[in-house]
């Protein structure tokens, strides 16, 4: 169960970061290059929808992944600065926050977790 929650969160985090990047490019084209709207209305709406989706996904996967309140708050705060959701996702993966509490008995991503089997190798 936690691996599905981790996958959904990772997709939402990267999508939110990419929508932020698209909106920034559109705003650059509109205000710096003066190319008209530059897609800002559409990109702004897309980013708004993906932002809300990221917040809802973060709130819904916190329990299955066994996040403490501090981790959840960091996940939510990372949605404010551009591209920070991608950085949070990489940090969470590296620190085992996407493995869930049952990572060893029920699977999970477990990429950077040392188990007795891997420590002996």
N, C-alpha and C. Protein backbone atom coordinates (compact mmCIF):
# COMPACT_ATOMS: atom_id res chain seq x y z
N UNK A 1 0.82 -1.19 0.00
CA UNK A 1 0.00 0.00 0.00
C UNK A 1 0.86 1.25 0.00
N UNK A 2 1.94 1.26 0.76
CA UNK A 2 2.74 2.47 0.84
C UNK A 2 3.46 2.76 -0.46
N UNK A 3 3.79 1.74 -1.26
CA UNK A 3 4.48 2.01 -2.51
C UNK A 3 3.56 2.73 -3.49
N UNK A 4 2.26 2.43 -3.46
CA UNK A 4 1.31 3.16 -4.32
C UNK A 4 1.19 4.60 -3.85
N UNK A 5 1.13 4.81 -2.55
CA UNK A 5 1.05 6.16 -2.00
C UNK A 5 2.31 6.94 -2.37
N UNK A 6 3.47 6.30 -2.29
CA UNK A 6 4.72 6.96 -2.64
C UNK A 6 4.74 7.33 -4.12
N UNK A 7 4.27 6.44 -4.96
CA UNK A 7 4.25 6.72 -6.40
C UNK A 7 3.32 7.89 -6.72
N UNK A 8 2.14 7.90 -6.12
CA UNK A 8 1.19 9.00 -6.35
C UNK A 8 1.80 10.31 -5.87
N UNK A 9 2.45 10.29 -4.70
CA UNK A 9 3.05 11.51 -4.19
C UNK A 9 4.18 11.98 -5.10
N UNK A 10 5.03 11.07 -5.55
CA UNK A 10 6.15 11.46 -6.40
C UNK A 10 5.67 12.08 -7.71
N UNK A 11 4.64 11.50 -8.30
CA UNK A 11 4.08 12.06 -9.54
C UNK A 11 3.51 13.46 -9.29
N UNK A 12 2.78 13.62 -8.19
CA UNK A 12 2.20 14.92 -7.87
C UNK A 12 3.28 15.96 -7.60
N UNK A 13 4.35 15.57 -6.91
CA UNK A 13 5.42 16.51 -6.59
C UNK A 13 6.14 16.98 -7.85
N UNK A 14 6.45 16.07 -8.74
CA UNK A 14 7.13 16.45 -9.98
C UNK A 14 6.20 17.26 -10.87
N UNK A 15 4.94 16.88 -10.95
CA UNK A 15 3.98 17.63 -11.77
C UNK A 15 3.83 19.05 -11.24
N UNK A 16 3.80 19.22 -9.94
CA UNK A 16 3.67 20.56 -9.36
C UNK A 16 4.90 21.39 -9.69
N UNK A 17 6.07 20.80 -9.60
CA UNK A 17 7.31 21.52 -9.92
C UNK A 17 7.34 21.91 -11.40
N UNK A 18 6.94 21.01 -12.27
CA UNK A 18 6.94 21.31 -13.70
C UNK A 18 5.90 22.36 -14.07
N UNK A 19 4.75 22.33 -13.40
CA UNK A 19 3.74 23.36 -13.68
C UNK A 19 4.23 24.73 -13.20
N UNK A 20 4.96 24.75 -12.09
CA UNK A 20 5.57 26.00 -11.61
C UNK A 20 6.55 26.52 -12.65
N UNK A 21 7.40 25.62 -13.16
CA UNK A 21 8.39 26.02 -14.17
C UNK A 21 7.71 26.55 -15.42
N UNK A 22 6.66 25.90 -15.87
CA UNK A 22 5.93 26.38 -17.04
C UNK A 22 5.33 27.76 -16.82
N UNK A 23 4.78 27.96 -15.63
CA UNK A 23 4.21 29.27 -15.32
C UNK A 23 5.30 30.34 -15.29
N UNK A 24 6.45 30.02 -14.74
CA UNK A 24 7.55 30.99 -14.71
C UNK A 24 8.02 31.34 -16.11
N UNK A 25 8.11 30.36 -16.99
CA UNK A 25 8.49 30.62 -18.38
C UNK A 25 7.44 31.52 -19.05
N UNK A 26 6.18 31.21 -18.84
CA UNK A 26 5.12 32.03 -19.39
C UNK A 26 5.16 33.46 -18.88
N UNK A 27 5.42 33.62 -17.59
CA UNK A 27 5.51 34.97 -17.01
C UNK A 27 6.73 35.71 -17.56
N UNK A 28 7.82 35.02 -17.78
CA UNK A 28 9.00 35.64 -18.38
C UNK A 28 8.67 36.14 -19.79
N UNK A 29 8.01 35.28 -20.56
CA UNK A 29 7.65 35.69 -21.93
C UNK A 29 6.67 36.87 -21.93
N UNK A 30 5.79 36.92 -20.95
CA UNK A 30 4.80 37.99 -20.90
C UNK A 30 5.41 39.31 -20.43
N UNK A 31 6.19 39.27 -19.36
CA UNK A 31 6.64 40.51 -18.74
C UNK A 31 8.04 40.96 -19.18
N UNK A 32 8.95 40.04 -19.39
CA UNK A 32 10.31 40.42 -19.76
C UNK A 32 10.49 40.57 -21.26
N UNK A 33 9.96 39.63 -22.02
CA UNK A 33 10.13 39.65 -23.47
C UNK A 33 8.98 40.41 -24.14
N UNK A 34 7.90 40.60 -23.41
CA UNK A 34 6.71 41.33 -23.91
C UNK A 34 6.12 40.69 -25.16
N UNK A 35 5.89 39.38 -25.09
CA UNK A 35 5.30 38.64 -26.20
C UNK A 35 3.80 38.43 -26.01
N UNK A 36 3.14 39.31 -25.36
CA UNK A 36 1.71 39.14 -25.12
C UNK A 36 1.47 38.30 -23.87
N UNK A 37 0.39 37.58 -23.90
CA UNK A 37 0.02 36.78 -22.73
C UNK A 37 1.00 35.65 -22.45
N UNK A 38 1.61 35.10 -23.48
CA UNK A 38 2.60 34.04 -23.27
C UNK A 38 2.05 32.79 -22.63
N UNK A 39 0.77 32.58 -22.69
CA UNK A 39 0.18 31.38 -22.11
C UNK A 39 -0.06 31.46 -20.62
N UNK A 40 0.14 32.64 -20.03
CA UNK A 40 0.01 32.77 -18.57
C UNK A 40 -1.38 32.38 -18.07
N UNK A 41 -2.46 32.78 -18.72
CA UNK A 41 -3.78 32.37 -18.18
C UNK A 41 -3.95 30.85 -18.12
N UNK A 42 -3.54 30.16 -19.17
CA UNK A 42 -3.68 28.70 -19.20
C UNK A 42 -2.70 28.06 -18.23
N UNK A 43 -1.44 28.49 -18.27
CA UNK A 43 -0.44 27.91 -17.38
C UNK A 43 -0.76 28.20 -15.92
N UNK A 44 -1.31 29.38 -15.66
CA UNK A 44 -1.71 29.72 -14.29
C UNK A 44 -2.81 28.81 -13.78
N UNK A 45 -3.79 28.54 -14.65
CA UNK A 45 -4.88 27.64 -14.25
C UNK A 45 -4.37 26.22 -14.04
N UNK A 46 -3.51 25.75 -14.95
CA UNK A 46 -2.95 24.40 -14.81
C UNK A 46 -2.16 24.30 -13.51
N UNK A 47 -1.32 25.30 -13.25
CA UNK A 47 -0.54 25.27 -12.02
C UNK A 47 -1.43 25.30 -10.78
N UNK A 48 -2.49 26.10 -10.83
CA UNK A 48 -3.41 26.15 -9.69
C UNK A 48 -4.06 24.81 -9.41
N UNK A 49 -4.48 24.13 -10.46
CA UNK A 49 -5.11 22.81 -10.29
C UNK A 49 -4.09 21.80 -9.75
N UNK A 50 -2.89 21.80 -10.32
CA UNK A 50 -1.87 20.85 -9.89
C UNK A 50 -1.42 21.16 -8.46
N UNK A 51 -1.37 22.44 -8.10
CA UNK A 51 -1.02 22.83 -6.73
C UNK A 51 -2.03 22.27 -5.73
N UNK A 52 -3.31 22.46 -6.01
CA UNK A 52 -4.36 21.94 -5.12
C UNK A 52 -4.28 20.42 -5.06
N UNK A 53 -4.03 19.78 -6.19
CA UNK A 53 -3.88 18.32 -6.23
C UNK A 53 -2.70 17.88 -5.37
N UNK A 54 -1.58 18.59 -5.45
CA UNK A 54 -0.40 18.26 -4.64
C UNK A 54 -0.72 18.37 -3.14
N UNK A 55 -1.40 19.42 -2.76
CA UNK A 55 -1.76 19.59 -1.34
C UNK A 55 -2.66 18.45 -0.88
N UNK A 56 -3.66 18.11 -1.69
CA UNK A 56 -4.57 17.01 -1.32
C UNK A 56 -3.84 15.67 -1.27
N UNK A 57 -2.96 15.43 -2.23
CA UNK A 57 -2.19 14.18 -2.22
C UNK A 57 -1.28 14.12 -1.00
N UNK A 58 -0.62 15.23 -0.68
CA UNK A 58 0.26 15.26 0.50
C UNK A 58 -0.52 14.94 1.76
N UNK A 59 -1.69 15.53 1.90
CA UNK A 59 -2.52 15.27 3.08
C UNK A 59 -3.00 13.83 3.13
N UNK A 60 -3.28 13.25 1.96
CA UNK A 60 -3.83 11.89 1.95
C UNK A 60 -2.77 10.80 2.08
N UNK A 61 -1.52 11.06 1.70
CA UNK A 61 -0.50 10.01 1.81
C UNK A 61 0.29 10.10 3.11
N UNK A 62 0.09 11.14 3.89
CA UNK A 62 0.86 11.30 5.12
C UNK A 62 0.68 10.12 6.07
N UNK A 63 -0.54 9.66 6.24
CA UNK A 63 -0.79 8.54 7.17
C UNK A 63 -0.26 7.21 6.62
N UNK A 64 -0.57 6.85 5.36
CA UNK A 64 -0.05 5.57 4.85
C UNK A 64 1.48 5.51 4.82
N UNK A 65 2.13 6.66 4.63
CA UNK A 65 3.59 6.67 4.58
C UNK A 65 4.21 6.86 5.96
N UNK A 66 3.38 7.06 6.96
CA UNK A 66 3.88 7.18 8.33
C UNK A 66 4.62 8.48 8.59
N UNK A 67 4.21 9.55 7.92
CA UNK A 67 4.87 10.83 8.12
C UNK A 67 4.49 11.43 9.46
N UNK A 68 5.47 12.03 10.10
CA UNK A 68 5.20 12.81 11.30
C UNK A 68 4.68 14.17 10.86
N UNK A 69 4.07 14.93 11.77
CA UNK A 69 3.56 16.25 11.39
C UNK A 69 4.63 17.16 10.78
N UNK A 70 5.85 17.07 11.26
CA UNK A 70 6.93 17.90 10.73
C UNK A 70 7.17 17.61 9.24
N UNK A 71 7.15 16.35 8.86
CA UNK A 71 7.35 15.97 7.46
C UNK A 71 6.20 16.47 6.61
N UNK A 72 4.99 16.34 7.10
CA UNK A 72 3.83 16.83 6.36
C UNK A 72 3.89 18.34 6.17
N UNK A 73 4.27 19.05 7.20
CA UNK A 73 4.38 20.51 7.10
C UNK A 73 5.46 20.89 6.09
N UNK A 74 6.58 20.17 6.10
CA UNK A 74 7.63 20.43 5.09
C UNK A 74 7.12 20.16 3.68
N UNK A 75 6.35 19.09 3.52
CA UNK A 75 5.79 18.78 2.20
C UNK A 75 4.86 19.89 1.74
N UNK A 76 4.03 20.39 2.64
CA UNK A 76 3.09 21.45 2.27
C UNK A 76 3.81 22.77 2.01
N UNK A 77 4.80 23.09 2.83
CA UNK A 77 5.55 24.33 2.62
C UNK A 77 6.39 24.29 1.35
N UNK A 78 6.79 23.10 0.93
CA UNK A 78 7.61 22.99 -0.28
C UNK A 78 6.82 23.35 -1.53
N UNK A 79 5.51 23.43 -1.42
CA UNK A 79 4.71 23.77 -2.60
C UNK A 79 4.70 25.26 -2.88
N UNK A 80 5.23 26.07 -1.99
CA UNK A 80 5.19 27.51 -2.17
C UNK A 80 6.33 28.03 -3.07
N UNK A 81 7.61 27.77 -2.74
CA UNK A 81 8.66 28.26 -3.65
C UNK A 81 8.72 27.40 -4.93
N UNK A 82 9.10 28.00 -6.03
CA UNK A 82 9.18 27.24 -7.29
C UNK A 82 10.16 26.06 -7.20
N UNK A 83 9.73 24.92 -7.69
CA UNK A 83 10.52 23.70 -7.83
C UNK A 83 10.89 23.02 -6.52
N UNK A 84 10.43 23.52 -5.38
CA UNK A 84 10.80 22.91 -4.10
C UNK A 84 10.10 21.57 -3.87
N UNK A 85 8.96 21.32 -4.53
CA UNK A 85 8.33 20.02 -4.35
C UNK A 85 9.22 18.91 -4.91
N UNK A 86 9.92 19.22 -5.98
CA UNK A 86 10.86 18.26 -6.56
C UNK A 86 12.01 18.01 -5.59
N UNK A 87 12.52 19.07 -4.98
CA UNK A 87 13.59 18.92 -3.98
C UNK A 87 13.10 18.14 -2.76
N UNK A 88 11.86 18.44 -2.32
CA UNK A 88 11.31 17.70 -1.18
C UNK A 88 11.16 16.22 -1.52
N UNK A 89 10.67 15.94 -2.72
CA UNK A 89 10.49 14.55 -3.15
C UNK A 89 11.83 13.81 -3.15
N UNK A 90 12.89 14.44 -3.65
CA UNK A 90 14.21 13.81 -3.66
C UNK A 90 14.72 13.60 -2.23
N UNK A 91 14.50 14.60 -1.37
CA UNK A 91 14.92 14.47 0.03
C UNK A 91 14.14 13.35 0.72
N UNK A 92 12.83 13.30 0.48
CA UNK A 92 11.99 12.28 1.11
C UNK A 92 12.40 10.88 0.66
N UNK A 93 12.71 10.73 -0.61
CA UNK A 93 13.15 9.43 -1.11
C UNK A 93 14.48 9.03 -0.49
N UNK A 94 15.41 9.98 -0.44
CA UNK A 94 16.74 9.71 0.09
C UNK A 94 16.70 9.36 1.58
N UNK A 95 15.76 9.95 2.32
CA UNK A 95 15.69 9.74 3.77
C UNK A 95 14.65 8.71 4.20
N UNK A 96 14.11 7.95 3.26
CA UNK A 96 13.19 6.88 3.60
C UNK A 96 11.78 7.32 3.95
N UNK A 97 11.42 8.57 3.66
CA UNK A 97 10.08 9.07 3.99
C UNK A 97 9.02 8.56 3.02
N UNK A 98 9.44 7.96 1.91
CA UNK A 98 8.48 7.43 0.95
C UNK A 98 8.36 5.92 1.05
N UNK A 99 8.96 5.34 2.06
CA UNK A 99 8.92 3.89 2.23
C UNK A 99 7.73 3.44 3.06
N UNK A 100 7.26 4.26 3.95
CA UNK A 100 6.17 3.88 4.82
C UNK A 100 6.67 3.06 6.00
N UNK A 101 5.85 2.93 7.02
CA UNK A 101 6.29 2.24 8.23
C UNK A 101 6.47 0.73 8.05
N UNK A 102 5.80 0.13 7.08
CA UNK A 102 5.90 -1.31 6.87
C UNK A 102 6.77 -1.65 5.66
N UNK A 103 7.81 -0.85 5.39
CA UNK A 103 8.57 -1.01 4.16
C UNK A 103 9.24 -2.37 4.03
N UNK A 104 9.65 -2.96 5.12
CA UNK A 104 10.36 -4.24 5.03
C UNK A 104 9.42 -5.42 4.94
N UNK A 105 8.23 -5.30 5.52
CA UNK A 105 7.31 -6.43 5.48
C UNK A 105 6.33 -6.39 4.32
N UNK A 106 6.06 -5.20 3.78
CA UNK A 106 5.09 -5.07 2.70
C UNK A 106 5.68 -4.48 1.43
N UNK A 107 6.96 -4.51 1.27
CA UNK A 107 7.57 -3.92 0.08
C UNK A 107 7.90 -2.47 0.33
N UNK A 108 7.64 -1.62 -0.62
CA UNK A 108 8.00 -0.21 -0.51
C UNK A 108 9.22 0.05 -1.36
N UNK A 109 9.58 1.29 -1.51
CA UNK A 109 10.70 1.60 -2.38
C UNK A 109 12.02 1.23 -1.73
N UNK A 110 12.21 1.53 -0.48
CA UNK A 110 13.36 1.07 0.30
C UNK A 110 14.71 1.15 -0.39
N UNK A 111 14.94 2.17 -1.20
CA UNK A 111 16.17 2.22 -1.98
C UNK A 111 17.41 2.49 -1.14
N UNK A 112 17.25 3.27 -0.09
CA UNK A 112 18.41 3.70 0.68
C UNK A 112 18.37 3.19 2.12
N UNK A 113 17.64 2.11 2.35
CA UNK A 113 17.51 1.57 3.69
C UNK A 113 18.45 0.39 3.83
N UNK A 114 19.27 0.44 4.89
CA UNK A 114 20.16 -0.69 5.15
C UNK A 114 19.42 -1.73 5.98
N UNK A 115 19.36 -2.92 5.47
CA UNK A 115 18.77 -4.02 6.18
C UNK A 115 19.90 -4.96 6.60
N UNK A 116 19.64 -5.91 7.49
CA UNK A 116 20.69 -6.84 7.86
C UNK A 116 21.26 -7.58 6.64
N UNK A 117 20.41 -7.86 5.65
CA UNK A 117 20.88 -8.58 4.46
C UNK A 117 21.83 -7.72 3.63
N UNK A 118 21.50 -6.43 3.46
CA UNK A 118 22.35 -5.56 2.64
C UNK A 118 23.57 -5.09 3.40
N UNK A 119 23.49 -5.03 4.73
CA UNK A 119 24.64 -4.58 5.50
C UNK A 119 25.75 -5.64 5.48
N UNK A 120 25.37 -6.91 5.41
CA UNK A 120 26.37 -7.98 5.40
C UNK A 120 27.05 -8.12 4.04
N UNK A 121 26.39 -7.65 2.99
CA UNK A 121 26.94 -7.81 1.63
C UNK A 121 28.03 -6.83 1.31
